Protein backbone atom coordinates (compact mmCIF):
# COMPACT_ATOMS: atom_id res chain seq x y z
CA MET A 1 -26.92 27.70 39.16
CA ASN A 2 -26.25 24.59 40.96
CA ILE A 3 -22.24 24.12 41.12
CA THR A 4 -22.87 20.26 40.23
CA PHE A 5 -24.78 21.37 37.10
CA VAL A 6 -21.72 23.41 36.00
CA PHE A 7 -19.15 20.60 36.51
CA ILE A 8 -21.27 18.19 34.56
CA LEU A 9 -21.86 20.68 31.78
CA ALA A 10 -18.25 21.38 31.64
CA GLY A 11 -17.29 17.57 31.71
CA ILE A 12 -19.90 17.37 28.77
CA ILE A 13 -18.29 20.13 26.75
CA ALA A 14 -14.68 18.91 27.38
CA ILE A 15 -15.56 15.35 26.38
CA GLY A 16 -17.30 16.42 23.18
CA GLY A 17 -14.40 18.79 22.30
CA LEU A 18 -11.95 16.06 22.59
CA MET A 19 -14.04 13.77 20.73
CA LEU A 20 -14.16 16.43 17.86
CA PHE A 21 -10.49 16.85 17.97
CA ILE A 22 -9.88 12.95 17.61
CA ILE A 23 -12.47 12.96 14.79
CA LEU A 24 -10.71 15.94 12.85
CA ARG A 25 -7.09 14.54 13.53
CA SER A 26 -7.92 10.92 12.21
CA GLU A 27 -7.21 10.88 8.72
CA LYS A 28 -10.29 9.72 6.50
CA HIS A 29 -9.22 7.67 3.65
CA LYS A 30 -12.08 6.86 0.77
CA PRO A 31 -12.08 3.20 -0.05
CA LEU A 32 -9.69 2.29 -2.92
CA ASN A 33 -11.01 2.11 -6.47
CA VAL A 34 -10.75 -1.52 -6.99
CA GLU A 35 -11.94 -1.27 -10.63
CA ASN A 36 -9.08 1.07 -11.36
CA TYR A 37 -6.52 -1.00 -9.57
CA ARG A 38 -7.89 -4.41 -11.32
CA VAL A 39 -7.58 -2.92 -14.71
CA ARG A 40 -4.09 -1.45 -13.92
CA CYS A 41 -2.86 -4.59 -12.51
CA LEU A 42 -4.35 -6.76 -15.40
CA ALA A 43 -2.79 -4.49 -18.10
CA ASN A 44 0.53 -4.66 -16.58
CA GLU A 45 0.68 -8.34 -16.25
CA GLN A 46 -0.41 -8.57 -19.87
CA LEU A 47 2.91 -6.81 -20.65
CA LEU A 48 4.97 -9.36 -19.43
CA LYS A 49 6.03 -11.62 -22.49
CA LYS A 50 8.46 -14.37 -22.36
CA GLY A 51 11.56 -13.73 -24.19
CA GLU A 52 11.21 -10.04 -24.01
CA LYS A 53 13.70 -9.49 -21.07
CA SER A 54 12.72 -5.60 -20.91
CA SER A 55 9.02 -6.50 -20.31
CA TYR A 56 10.26 -8.27 -16.96
CA HIS A 57 11.88 -5.09 -15.49
CA LEU A 58 8.85 -3.01 -16.70
CA THR A 59 6.32 -5.10 -15.11
CA ILE A 60 8.01 -5.37 -11.84
CA ILE A 61 8.66 -1.62 -11.61
CA ASN A 62 4.92 -0.94 -12.67
CA ALA A 63 3.49 -3.59 -10.15
CA ASP A 64 5.81 -1.94 -7.18
CA LYS A 65 4.52 1.35 -8.15
CA LEU A 66 0.82 0.36 -7.91
CA VAL A 67 1.24 -1.36 -4.49
CA ASP A 68 3.22 1.79 -3.30
CA GLN A 69 -0.03 3.90 -4.39
CA ALA A 70 -2.47 1.58 -2.71
CA LEU A 71 -0.17 1.73 0.41
CA ARG A 72 -0.15 5.73 0.23
CA GLU A 73 -3.98 5.72 -0.39
CA SER A 74 -4.73 3.28 2.44
CA GLY A 75 -3.19 5.76 4.85
CA ILE A 76 -0.19 4.02 5.62
CA LYS A 77 2.69 6.24 6.76
CA GLY A 78 6.37 6.33 5.52
CA GLN A 79 8.62 8.41 3.32
CA THR A 80 9.29 5.34 1.06
CA MET A 81 7.58 2.04 0.16
CA GLY A 82 9.84 0.51 2.45
CA GLU A 83 8.69 2.35 5.35
CA ARG A 84 5.20 2.02 4.39
CA LEU A 85 5.82 -1.81 4.22
CA ARG A 86 7.42 -1.56 7.82
CA ASN A 87 4.28 0.35 8.93
CA SER A 88 1.83 -1.90 7.15
CA GLY A 89 1.26 -4.10 10.47
CA GLU A 90 -0.78 -7.13 9.76
CA ARG A 91 -2.33 -6.15 6.39
CA PHE A 92 -0.24 -8.71 4.38
CA CYS A 93 -0.49 -12.41 4.71
CA ASP A 94 2.70 -12.90 2.86
CA LEU A 95 4.84 -9.99 4.07
CA ASN A 96 8.12 -11.65 3.23
CA GLY A 97 6.85 -12.17 -0.13
CA ILE A 98 6.12 -8.57 -0.85
CA TRP A 99 9.55 -7.50 0.60
CA GLY A 100 11.16 -10.17 -1.55
CA ALA A 101 9.51 -8.71 -4.74
CA HIS A 102 10.41 -5.00 -3.62
CA LYS A 103 13.93 -6.11 -3.16
CA LEU A 104 13.79 -7.48 -6.70
CA ARG A 105 12.41 -4.04 -7.88
CA ASN A 106 15.37 -2.43 -6.10
CA ARG A 107 17.81 -4.74 -7.63
CA ILE A 108 16.46 -3.50 -11.04
CA ALA A 109 16.33 0.01 -10.30
CA HIS A 110 19.74 0.26 -8.68
CA GLU A 111 22.07 -2.21 -10.36
CA PRO A 112 22.46 -1.23 -14.22
CA ASP A 113 23.35 -5.01 -15.34
CA ALA A 114 20.55 -6.60 -13.14
CA THR A 115 19.52 -9.73 -15.03
CA ILE A 116 15.86 -10.99 -13.91
CA SER A 117 14.58 -14.24 -15.40
CA TYR A 118 10.92 -14.73 -16.71
CA ASP A 119 10.07 -17.05 -13.70
CA GLU A 120 11.41 -14.33 -11.40
CA ALA A 121 9.34 -11.63 -12.83
CA ARG A 122 6.10 -14.15 -12.81
CA TRP A 123 6.95 -14.74 -9.12
CA ALA A 124 7.34 -11.03 -8.09
CA LEU A 125 3.94 -10.20 -10.20
CA SER A 126 2.11 -12.94 -8.19
CA LYS A 127 3.45 -11.30 -4.72
CA TYR A 128 2.30 -7.93 -6.02
CA ARG A 129 -1.19 -9.05 -6.81
CA LYS A 130 -1.57 -10.83 -3.68
CA ALA A 131 -0.51 -7.86 -1.86
CA LEU A 132 -3.13 -5.91 -3.56
CA LYS A 133 -5.69 -8.34 -2.79
CA ASP A 134 -4.67 -7.99 0.97
CA LEU A 135 -4.98 -4.32 0.80
CA GLY A 136 -8.60 -4.56 -0.78
CA ALA A 137 -7.39 -2.82 -4.00
CA ILE A 138 -8.33 -5.88 -6.09
């Protein structure tokens, strides 16, 4: 057997093995279920009722969970939503807006006497909706 042929064959096998390794290591994520996210987003937005202050908190928390689920299903790494937002790169056209909505959610979750206005809740929901659009979830 020609030594050149052996080196070429070894190179082809090595490159093939490397490509297989890369393919197997890369995470494959199926596309987000757009219809599911759309239905859940709309249902949550319909829970928001002017004058019903408890609905403000509930809709913000639900929207935050929905965006976090979309981030996880999109393969964005992180232990918390905050880490996933930091690792999201250029996916959001208004990253500051989604951060603001998430901070509002944190205020609700961590401050027992947090008061949120109807307008703040509507604002946050609009940021979460935009984030879902940016992620391709709706």
